[in-house]
PDB file of N, CA and C in Angstrom:
ATOM      1  N   MET A   1     -14.850 -32.601 138.229  1.00  0.00           N
ATOM      2  CA  MET A   1     -15.853 -32.841 136.850  1.00  0.00           C
ATOM      3  C   MET A   1     -15.434 -31.271 136.216  1.00  0.00           C
ATOM      4  N   LYS A   2     -15.149 -31.782 134.977  1.00  0.00           N
ATOM      5  CA  LYS A   2     -14.903 -30.677 134.254  1.00  0.00           C
ATOM      6  C   LYS A   2     -15.883 -30.249 133.175  1.00  0.00           C
ATOM      7  N   LEU A   3     -16.253 -29.191 133.217  1.00  0.00           N
ATOM      8  CA  LEU A   3     -17.282 -28.650 132.493  1.00  0.00           C
ATOM      9  C   LEU A   3     -17.248 -27.648 131.259  1.00  0.00           C
ATOM     10  N   TYR A   4     -17.602 -27.865 130.662  1.00  0.00           N
ATOM     11  CA  TYR A   4     -17.617 -26.570 129.263  1.00  0.00           C
ATOM     12  C   TYR A   4     -18.669 -25.738 129.646  1.00  0.00           C
ATOM     13  N   VAL A   5     -18.382 -24.538 129.410  1.00  0.00           N
ATOM     14  CA  VAL A   5     -19.591 -23.414 129.748  1.00  0.00           C
ATOM     15  C   VAL A   5     -19.400 -22.604 128.362  1.00  0.00           C
ATOM     16  N   GLY A   6     -20.353 -22.260 127.649  1.00  0.00           N
ATOM     17  CA  GLY A   6     -20.431 -21.661 126.209  1.00  0.00           C
ATOM     18  C   GLY A   6     -21.526 -20.839 126.166  1.00  0.00           C
ATOM     19  N   ASN A   7     -21.390 -19.864 125.111  1.00  0.00           N
ATOM     20  CA  ASN A   7     -22.363 -18.664 124.879  1.00  0.00           C
ATOM     21  C   ASN A   7     -22.203 -17.584 125.792  1.00  0.00           C
ATOM     22  N   LEU A   8     -20.714 -17.489 126.450  1.00  0.00           N
ATOM     23  CA  LEU A   8     -20.180 -16.285 127.433  1.00  0.00           C
ATOM     24  C   LEU A   8     -20.382 -15.048 126.688  1.00  0.00           C
ATOM     25  N   PRO A   9     -20.656 -14.174 127.574  1.00  0.00           N
ATOM     26  CA  PRO A   9     -20.257 -12.725 127.242  1.00  0.00           C
ATOM     27  C   PRO A   9     -19.046 -12.674 126.783  1.00  0.00           C
ATOM     28  N   PHE A  10     -18.499 -11.731 125.925  1.00  0.00           N
ATOM     29  CA  PHE A  10     -17.193 -11.905 125.805  1.00  0.00           C
ATOM     30  C   PHE A  10     -16.514 -10.608 126.922  1.00  0.00           C
ATOM     31  N   SER A  11     -17.104 -10.315 127.805  1.00  0.00           N
ATOM     32  CA  SER A  11     -16.811  -9.265 129.180  1.00  0.00           C
ATOM     33  C   SER A  11     -16.224 -10.245 130.061  1.00  0.00           C
ATOM     34  N   THR A  12     -16.764 -11.371 130.160  1.00  0.00           N
ATOM     35  CA  THR A  12     -16.737 -12.340 131.260  1.00  0.00           C
ATOM     36  C   THR A  12     -15.050 -12.667 131.728  1.00  0.00           C
ATOM     37  N   THR A  13     -14.954 -12.733 132.650  1.00  0.00           N
ATOM     38  CA  THR A  13     -13.276 -12.881 133.207  1.00  0.00           C
ATOM     39  C   THR A  13     -13.275 -14.036 134.247  1.00  0.00           C
ATOM     40  N   ASP A  14     -12.159 -14.688 134.179  1.00  0.00           N
ATOM     41  CA  ASP A  14     -11.732 -15.822 135.119  1.00  0.00           C
ATOM     42  C   ASP A  14     -12.495 -15.730 136.637  1.00  0.00           C
ATOM     43  N   PRO A  15     -11.986 -14.632 137.288  1.00  0.00           N
ATOM     44  CA  PRO A  15     -12.609 -14.532 138.610  1.00  0.00           C
ATOM     45  C   PRO A  15     -14.376 -14.269 138.266  1.00  0.00           C
ATOM     46  N   ASP A  16     -14.886 -13.728 137.194  1.00  0.00           N
ATOM     47  CA  ASP A  16     -16.412 -13.834 137.512  1.00  0.00           C
ATOM     48  C   ASP A  16     -17.025 -15.414 137.134  1.00  0.00           C
ATOM     49  N   LEU A  17     -16.174 -16.128 136.613  1.00  0.00           N
ATOM     50  CA  LEU A  17     -16.617 -17.888 136.305  1.00  0.00           C
ATOM     51  C   LEU A  17     -16.339 -18.757 137.631  1.00  0.00           C
ATOM     52  N   LYS A  18     -15.293 -18.233 138.286  1.00  0.00           N
ATOM     53  CA  LYS A  18     -15.274 -18.946 139.564  1.00  0.00           C
ATOM     54  C   LYS A  18     -16.227 -18.483 140.483  1.00  0.00           C
ATOM     55  N   ASP A  19     -16.583 -16.875 140.937  1.00  0.00           N
ATOM     56  CA  ASP A  19     -17.670 -16.718 141.641  1.00  0.00           C
ATOM     57  C   ASP A  19     -18.930 -17.281 141.281  1.00  0.00           C
ATOM     58  N   LEU A  20     -19.246 -17.590 139.976  1.00  0.00           N
ATOM     59  CA  LEU A  20     -20.547 -18.018 139.676  1.00  0.00           C
ATOM     60  C   LEU A  20     -20.814 -19.240 140.181  1.00  0.00           C
ATOM     61  N   PHE A  21     -19.655 -20.038 139.542  1.00  0.00           N
ATOM     62  CA  PHE A  21     -19.563 -21.500 139.971  1.00  0.00           C
ATOM     63  C   PHE A  21     -19.598 -22.022 141.226  1.00  0.00           C
ATOM     64  N   ALA A  22     -18.580 -21.171 142.486  1.00  0.00           N
ATOM     65  CA  ALA A  22     -18.477 -21.455 143.463  1.00  0.00           C
ATOM     66  C   ALA A  22     -19.886 -21.553 144.370  1.00  0.00           C
ATOM     67  N   HIS A  23     -21.021 -20.900 143.942  1.00  0.00           N
ATOM     68  CA  HIS A  23     -22.286 -21.175 144.740  1.00  0.00           C
ATOM     69  C   HIS A  23     -22.830 -22.476 144.907  1.00  0.00           C
ATOM     70  N   TYR A  24     -21.891 -23.530 143.869  1.00  0.00           N
ATOM     71  CA  TYR A  24     -22.230 -24.915 143.759  1.00  0.00           C
ATOM     72  C   TYR A  24     -20.922 -26.004 143.922  1.00  0.00           C
ATOM     73  N   GLY A  25     -20.151 -25.366 144.781  1.00  0.00           N
ATOM     74  CA  GLY A  25     -19.144 -26.474 145.179  1.00  0.00           C
ATOM     75  C   GLY A  25     -17.924 -25.696 145.024  1.00  0.00           C
ATOM     76  N   THR A  26     -16.868 -26.518 145.401  1.00  0.00           N
ATOM     77  CA  THR A  26     -15.471 -26.224 145.195  1.00  0.00           C
ATOM     78  C   THR A  26     -14.895 -25.908 143.641  1.00  0.00           C
ATOM     79  N   VAL A  27     -14.626 -24.710 143.194  1.00  0.00           N
ATOM     80  CA  VAL A  27     -14.148 -24.660 141.688  1.00  0.00           C
ATOM     81  C   VAL A  27     -12.583 -24.667 142.031  1.00  0.00           C
ATOM     82  N   THR A  28     -11.881 -25.914 141.470  1.00  0.00           N
ATOM     83  CA  THR A  28     -10.515 -26.302 141.577  1.00  0.00           C
ATOM     84  C   THR A  28      -9.677 -25.317 140.154  1.00  0.00           C
ATOM     85  N   ASP A  29     -10.441 -25.143 138.840  1.00  0.00           N
ATOM     86  CA  ASP A  29      -9.714 -24.538 137.620  1.00  0.00           C
ATOM     87  C   ASP A  29     -10.656 -23.877 137.092  1.00  0.00           C
ATOM     88  N   VAL A  30      -9.907 -23.058 136.352  1.00  0.00           N
ATOM     89  CA  VAL A  30     -10.912 -21.718 135.532  1.00  0.00           C
ATOM     90  C   VAL A  30     -10.043 -21.604 134.404  1.00  0.00           C
ATOM     91  N   HIS A  31     -10.670 -21.972 133.134  1.00  0.00           N
ATOM     92  CA  HIS A  31      -9.886 -21.693 131.876  1.00  0.00           C
ATOM     93  C   HIS A  31     -10.511 -21.091 131.037  1.00  0.00           C
ATOM     94  N   LEU A  32     -10.521 -19.555 130.821  1.00  0.00           N
ATOM     95  CA  LEU A  32     -11.097 -18.934 129.575  1.00  0.00           C
ATOM     96  C   LEU A  32     -10.352 -19.143 128.679  1.00  0.00           C
ATOM     97  N   VAL A  33     -11.128 -19.392 127.530  1.00  0.00           N
ATOM     98  CA  VAL A  33     -10.349 -19.274 126.089  1.00  0.00           C
ATOM     99  C   VAL A  33     -10.308 -18.291 125.278  1.00  0.00           C
ATOM    100  N   THR A  34      -9.031 -18.008 125.246  1.00  0.00           N
ATOM    101  CA  THR A  34      -9.197 -16.596 124.416  1.00  0.00           C
ATOM    102  C   THR A  34      -8.328 -16.972 122.897  1.00  0.00           C
ATOM    103  N   ASP A  35      -8.397 -15.912 122.085  1.00  0.00           N
ATOM    104  CA  ASP A  35      -8.011 -16.010 120.748  1.00  0.00           C
ATOM    105  C   ASP A  35      -6.253 -15.716 120.961  1.00  0.00           C
ATOM    106  N   ARG A  36      -5.364 -16.349 120.458  1.00  0.00           N
ATOM    107  CA  ARG A  36      -4.084 -16.306 120.587  1.00  0.00           C
ATOM    108  C   ARG A  36      -3.525 -14.965 120.120  1.00  0.00           C
ATOM    109  N   MET A  37      -4.091 -14.527 119.099  1.00  0.00           N
ATOM    110  CA  MET A  37      -3.997 -13.044 118.334  1.00  0.00           C
ATOM    111  C   MET A  37      -4.134 -11.712 119.132  1.00  0.00           C
ATOM    112  N   THR A  38      -5.156 -11.972 119.591  1.00  0.00           N
ATOM    113  CA  THR A  38      -6.008 -10.359 120.220  1.00  0.00           C
ATOM    114  C   THR A  38      -5.719 -11.038 121.872  1.00  0.00           C
ATOM    115  N   GLY A  39      -5.900 -12.006 122.238  1.00  0.00           N
ATOM    116  CA  GLY A  39      -6.005 -11.963 123.779  1.00  0.00           C
ATOM    117  C   GLY A  39      -7.391 -12.055 124.086  1.00  0.00           C
ATOM    118  N   LYS A  40      -8.500 -11.792 123.289  1.00  0.00           N
ATOM    119  CA  LYS A  40     -10.043 -11.449 123.703  1.00  0.00           C
ATOM    120  C   LYS A  40     -10.330 -12.951 123.849  1.00  0.00           C
ATOM    121  N   SER A  41     -11.505 -12.921 124.603  1.00  0.00           N
ATOM    122  CA  SER A  41     -12.121 -14.183 125.037  1.00  0.00           C
ATOM    123  C   SER A  41     -12.816 -14.757 123.922  1.00  0.00           C
ATOM    124  N   ARG A  42     -13.037 -15.920 123.710  1.00  0.00           N
ATOM    125  CA  ARG A  42     -13.462 -16.432 122.296  1.00  0.00           C
ATOM    126  C   ARG A  42     -15.066 -16.918 123.070  1.00  0.00           C
ATOM    127  N   GLY A  43     -15.531 -16.742 124.180  1.00  0.00           N
ATOM    128  CA  GLY A  43     -17.002 -17.280 124.315  1.00  0.00           C
ATOM    129  C   GLY A  43     -17.068 -18.199 125.147  1.00  0.00           C
ATOM    130  N   PHE A  44     -16.324 -18.822 125.334  1.00  0.00           N
ATOM    131  CA  PHE A  44     -16.287 -20.250 126.085  1.00  0.00           C
ATOM    132  C   PHE A  44     -15.139 -20.450 126.927  1.00  0.00           C
ATOM    133  N   ALA A  45     -15.422 -21.439 127.985  1.00  0.00           N
ATOM    134  CA  ALA A  45     -14.530 -21.614 129.004  1.00  0.00           C
ATOM    135  C   ALA A  45     -14.748 -23.170 129.558  1.00  0.00           C
ATOM    136  N   PHE A  46     -13.666 -23.577 130.257  1.00  0.00           N
ATOM    137  CA  PHE A  46     -13.717 -24.600 131.092  1.00  0.00           C
ATOM    138  C   PHE A  46     -13.496 -24.453 132.485  1.00  0.00           C
ATOM    139  N   VAL A  47     -14.458 -25.398 133.339  1.00  0.00           N
ATOM    140  CA  VAL A  47     -14.721 -25.047 134.699  1.00  0.00           C
ATOM    141  C   VAL A  47     -14.669 -26.355 135.408  1.00  0.00           C
ATOM    142  N   THR A  48     -13.609 -26.704 136.231  1.00  0.00           N
ATOM    143  CA  THR A  48     -13.243 -27.933 136.836  1.00  0.00           C
ATOM    144  C   THR A  48     -13.760 -27.641 138.319  1.00  0.00           C
ATOM    145  N   MET A  49     -14.964 -28.729 138.650  1.00  0.00           N
ATOM    146  CA  MET A  49     -15.425 -28.639 140.008  1.00  0.00           C
ATOM    147  C   MET A  49     -14.795 -29.744 140.818  1.00  0.00           C
ATOM    148  N   SER A  50     -14.641 -29.781 142.187  1.00  0.00           N
ATOM    149  CA  SER A  50     -14.068 -31.085 142.979  1.00  0.00           C
ATOM    150  C   SER A  50     -14.832 -32.038 142.934  1.00  0.00           C
ATOM    151  N   SER A  51     -16.113 -32.199 142.931  1.00  0.00           N
ATOM    152  CA  SER A  51     -16.396 -33.653 142.614  1.00  0.00           C
ATOM    153  C   SER A  51     -17.609 -33.665 141.254  1.00  0.00           C
ATOM    154  N   ALA A  52     -18.422 -34.840 141.129  1.00  0.00           N
ATOM    155  CA  ALA A  52     -19.210 -34.751 140.041  1.00  0.00           C
ATOM    156  C   ALA A  52     -20.261 -34.484 140.617  1.00  0.00           C
ATOM    157  N   ALA A  53     -20.791 -34.605 141.833  1.00  0.00           N
ATOM    158  CA  ALA A  53     -21.974 -34.089 142.618  1.00  0.00           C
ATOM    159  C   ALA A  53     -22.048 -32.420 142.283  1.00  0.00           C
ATOM    160  N   GLU A  54     -20.950 -31.754 142.588  1.00  0.00           N
ATOM    161  CA  GLU A  54     -20.898 -30.337 142.569  1.00  0.00           C
ATOM    162  C   GLU A  54     -21.147 -29.970 141.069  1.00  0.00           C
ATOM    163  N   GLY A  55     -20.426 -30.802 140.147  1.00  0.00           N
ATOM    164  CA  GLY A  55     -20.595 -30.464 138.494  1.00  0.00           C
ATOM    165  C   GLY A  55     -21.935 -30.412 138.098  1.00  0.00           C
ATOM    166  N   LYS A  56     -22.519 -31.858 138.807  1.00  0.00           N
ATOM    167  CA  LYS A  56     -24.087 -31.829 137.923  1.00  0.00           C
ATOM    168  C   LYS A  56     -24.750 -30.806 138.528  1.00  0.00           C
ATOM    169  N   ALA A  57     -24.601 -30.431 140.086  1.00  0.00           N
ATOM    170  CA  ALA A  57     -25.593 -29.466 140.621  1.00  0.00           C
ATOM    171  C   ALA A  57     -25.079 -28.076 139.740  1.00  0.00           C
ATOM    172  N   ALA A  58     -23.953 -27.711 139.544  1.00  0.00           N
ATOM    173  CA  ALA A  58     -23.852 -26.662 138.676  1.00  0.00           C
ATOM    174  C   ALA A  58     -24.414 -26.711 137.260  1.00  0.00           C
ATOM    175  N   ILE A  59     -24.525 -27.811 136.541  1.00  0.00           N
ATOM    176  CA  ILE A  59     -24.918 -27.754 135.266  1.00  0.00           C
ATOM    177  C   ILE A  59     -26.577 -27.699 135.436  1.00  0.00           C
ATOM    178  N   SER A  60     -27.555 -28.315 136.378  1.00  0.00           N
ATOM    179  CA  SER A  60     -28.976 -28.073 136.601  1.00  0.00           C
ATOM    180  C   SER A  60     -29.139 -26.837 136.901  1.00  0.00           C
ATOM    181  N   ALA A  61     -28.271 -25.804 137.635  1.00  0.00           N
ATOM    182  CA  ALA A  61     -28.579 -24.637 138.124  1.00  0.00           C
ATOM    183  C   ALA A  61     -28.257 -23.474 136.906  1.00  0.00           C
ATOM    184  N   LEU A  62     -27.310 -23.862 136.088  1.00  0.00           N
ATOM    185  CA  LEU A  62     -26.714 -22.726 135.244  1.00  0.00           C
ATOM    186  C   LEU A  62     -27.054 -22.785 133.961  1.00  0.00           C
ATOM    187  N   GLU A  63     -27.254 -24.248 133.551  1.00  0.00           N
ATOM    188  CA  GLU A  63     -27.739 -24.525 131.895  1.00  0.00           C
ATOM    189  C   GLU A  63     -28.701 -23.346 131.306  1.00  0.00           C
ATOM    190  N   GLY A  64     -29.020 -22.821 130.784  1.00  0.00           N
ATOM    191  CA  GLY A  64     -29.933 -21.950 129.958  1.00  0.00           C
ATOM    192  C   GLY A  64     -30.181 -20.382 130.944  1.00  0.00           C
ATOM    193  N   LYS A  65     -29.041 -20.409 131.876  1.00  0.00           N
ATOM    194  CA  LYS A  65     -29.211 -19.260 132.746  1.00  0.00           C
ATOM    195  C   LYS A  65     -28.744 -17.839 131.967  1.00  0.00           C
ATOM    196  N   ASN A  66     -29.568 -16.904 131.977  1.00  0.00           N
ATOM    197  CA  ASN A  66     -29.139 -15.631 131.235  1.00  0.00           C
ATOM    198  C   ASN A  66     -27.888 -15.092 132.235  1.00  0.00           C
ATOM    199  N   LEU A  67     -27.033 -14.818 131.365  1.00  0.00           N
ATOM    200  CA  LEU A  67     -25.698 -13.555 131.996  1.00  0.00           C
ATOM    201  C   LEU A  67     -25.761 -12.747 131.117  1.00  0.00           C
ATOM    202  N   ASP A  68     -25.699 -11.823 131.454  1.00  0.00           N
ATOM    203  CA  ASP A  68     -25.622 -10.143 130.701  1.00  0.00           C
ATOM    204  C   ASP A  68     -26.053 -10.351 129.263  1.00  0.00           C
ATOM    205  N   GLY A  69     -27.318 -10.661 129.132  1.00  0.00           N
ATOM    206  CA  GLY A  69     -28.132 -11.096 127.831  1.00  0.00           C
ATOM    207  C   GLY A  69     -27.742 -12.126 127.276  1.00  0.00           C
ATOM    208  N   ARG A  70     -27.274 -13.072 127.488  1.00  0.00           N
ATOM    209  CA  ARG A  70     -26.778 -14.439 126.657  1.00  0.00           C
ATOM    210  C   ARG A  70     -27.204 -15.744 127.861  1.00  0.00           C
ATOM    211  N   ASN A  71     -27.628 -16.733 127.194  1.00  0.00           N
ATOM    212  CA  ASN A  71     -28.192 -17.905 127.891  1.00  0.00           C
ATOM    213  C   ASN A  71     -26.847 -18.821 127.934  1.00  0.00           C
ATOM    214  N   LEU A  72     -26.428 -19.364 128.732  1.00  0.00           N
ATOM    215  CA  LEU A  72     -25.167 -20.052 129.224  1.00  0.00           C
ATOM    216  C   LEU A  72     -25.646 -21.598 128.486  1.00  0.00           C
ATOM    217  N   THR A  73     -24.764 -22.081 128.224  1.00  0.00           N
ATOM    218  CA  THR A  73     -24.539 -23.557 127.852  1.00  0.00           C
ATOM    219  C   THR A  73     -23.419 -24.263 128.796  1.00  0.00           C
ATOM    220  N   VAL A  74     -24.058 -24.884 129.654  1.00  0.00           N
ATOM    221  CA  VAL A  74     -23.069 -25.885 130.521  1.00  0.00           C
ATOM    222  C   VAL A  74     -23.429 -27.129 130.345  1.00  0.00           C
ATOM    223  N   ASN A  75     -22.140 -27.936 130.322  1.00  0.00           N
ATOM    224  CA  ASN A  75     -22.440 -29.504 130.279  1.00  0.00           C
ATOM    225  C   ASN A  75     -20.977 -30.052 130.505  1.00  0.00           C
ATOM    226  N   GLU A  76     -21.195 -31.285 130.684  1.00  0.00           N
ATOM    227  CA  GLU A  76     -19.616 -31.913 130.977  1.00  0.00           C
ATOM    228  C   GLU A  76     -19.100 -31.974 129.563  1.00  0.00           C
ATOM    229  N   ALA A  77     -17.568 -31.438 129.945  1.00  0.00           N
ATOM    230  CA  ALA A  77     -16.685 -31.373 128.875  1.00  0.00           C
ATOM    231  C   ALA A  77     -16.579 -32.695 128.049  1.00  0.00           C
ATOM    232  N   ARG A  78     -16.373 -32.839 126.826  1.00  0.00           N
ATOM    233  CA  ARG A  78     -15.855 -34.067 126.122  1.00  0.00           C
ATOM    234  C   ARG A  78     -14.614 -34.143 126.074  1.00  0.00           C
ATOM    235  N   PRO A  79     -13.550 -35.185 125.984  1.00  0.00           N
ATOM    236  CA  PRO A  79     -12.273 -35.327 125.688  1.00  0.00           C
ATOM    237  C   PRO A  79     -12.096 -34.724 124.699  1.00  0.00           C
ATOM    238  N   LYS A  80     -10.978 -34.157 124.477  1.00  0.00           N
ATOM    239  CA  LYS A  80     -10.491 -33.478 123.146  1.00  0.00           C
ATOM    240  C   LYS A  80     -10.111 -34.589 122.316  1.00  0.00           C
ATOM    241  N   VAL A  81     -10.883 -34.677 121.038  1.00  0.00           N
ATOM    242  CA  VAL A  81     -10.263 -35.465 119.884  1.00  0.00           C
ATOM    243  C   VAL A  81      -9.094 -35.095 119.396  1.00  0.00           C
ATOM    244  N   GLU A  82      -7.938 -35.784 119.133  1.00  0.00           N
ATOM    245  CA  GLU A  82      -6.764 -35.257 118.323  1.00  0.00           C
ATOM    246  C   GLU A  82      -7.014 -35.372 116.771  1.00  0.00           C
ATOM    247  N   GLY A  83      -6.691 -34.402 116.263  1.00  0.00           N
ATOM    248  CA  GLY A  83      -6.893 -34.326 114.654  1.00  0.00           C
ATOM    249  C   GLY A  83      -8.198 -34.093 114.124  1.00  0.00           C
ATOM    250  N   ALA A  84      -9.141 -33.838 114.859  1.00  0.00           N
ATOM    251  CA  ALA A  84     -10.470 -33.172 114.336  1.00  0.00           C
ATOM    252  C   ALA A  84     -10.685 -31.828 114.378  1.00  0.00           C
ATOM    253  N   LYS A  85      -9.620 -30.916 115.042  1.00  0.00           N
ATOM    254  CA  LYS A  85      -9.563 -29.526 114.868  1.00  0.00           C
ATOM    255  C   LYS A  85      -9.353 -28.978 113.529  1.00  0.00           C
ATOM    256  N   ARG A  86      -8.149 -29.856 112.804  1.00  0.00           N
ATOM    257  CA  ARG A  86      -7.722 -29.290 111.399  1.00  0.00           C
ATOM    258  C   ARG A  86      -7.645 -30.349 110.486  1.00  0.00           C
ATOM    259  N   PRO A  87      -8.974 -30.482 110.019  1.00  0.00           N
ATOM    260  CA  PRO A  87      -8.979 -31.410 108.887  1.00  0.00           C
ATOM    261  C   PRO A  87      -8.391 -31.377 107.480  1.00  0.00           C
ATOM    262  N   PHE A  88      -7.501 -30.078 107.304  1.00  0.00           N
ATOM    263  CA  PHE A  88      -6.775 -29.846 106.493  1.00  0.00           C
ATOM    264  C   PHE A  88      -5.306 -29.504 106.826  1.00  0.00           C
ATOM    265  N   SER A  89      -5.056 -30.197 107.602  1.00  0.00           N
ATOM    266  CA  SER A  89      -3.634 -29.869 107.994  1.00  0.00           C
ATOM    267  C   SER A  89      -2.245 -30.254 107.248  1.00  0.00           C
ATOM    268  N   LYS A  90      -2.824 -31.651 106.381  1.00  0.00           N
ATOM    269  CA  LYS A  90      -1.667 -32.000 105.709  1.00  0.00           C
ATOM    270  C   LYS A  90      -1.804 -30.960 104.360  1.00  0.00           C
ATOM    271  N   SER A  91      -0.406 -31.012 103.844  1.00  0.00           N
ATOM    272  CA  SER A  91      -0.395 -30.285 102.569  1.00  0.00           C
ATOM    273  C   SER A  91      -1.348 -31.013 101.618  1.00  0.00           C
ATOM    274  N   ARG A  92      -2.153 -30.178 100.615  1.00  0.00           N
ATOM    275  CA  ARG A  92      -2.573 -30.244  99.592  1.00  0.00           C
ATOM    276  C   ARG A  92      -2.087 -30.258  98.308  1.00  0.00           C
ATOM    277  N   TRP A  93      -1.071 -29.970  98.498  1.00  0.00           N
ATOM    278  CA  TRP A  93      -0.129 -29.768  97.154  1.00  0.00           C
ATOM    279  C   TRP A  93       0.852 -30.725  96.684  1.00  0.00           C
TER     280      TRP A  93
END
């Protein structure tokens, strides 16, 4: 199950997230989203757990949990919608 993790402290690293979520099951992948230009964290990530039961346990335990002064948002990741990111991608001229 792929989870969205938002409102992360900007100092959070991939190993930090793996350690945090490992308490609730097997973490198969962690992707901390970073800015392309600066390489700094954008404050959210995607964590993949090996099963839906483990993902739900992580959501129940970590949703709203305080991490370094920020309350986490943890929920099931939604599929990416193509074309929704850049509504003005076509030339306006």
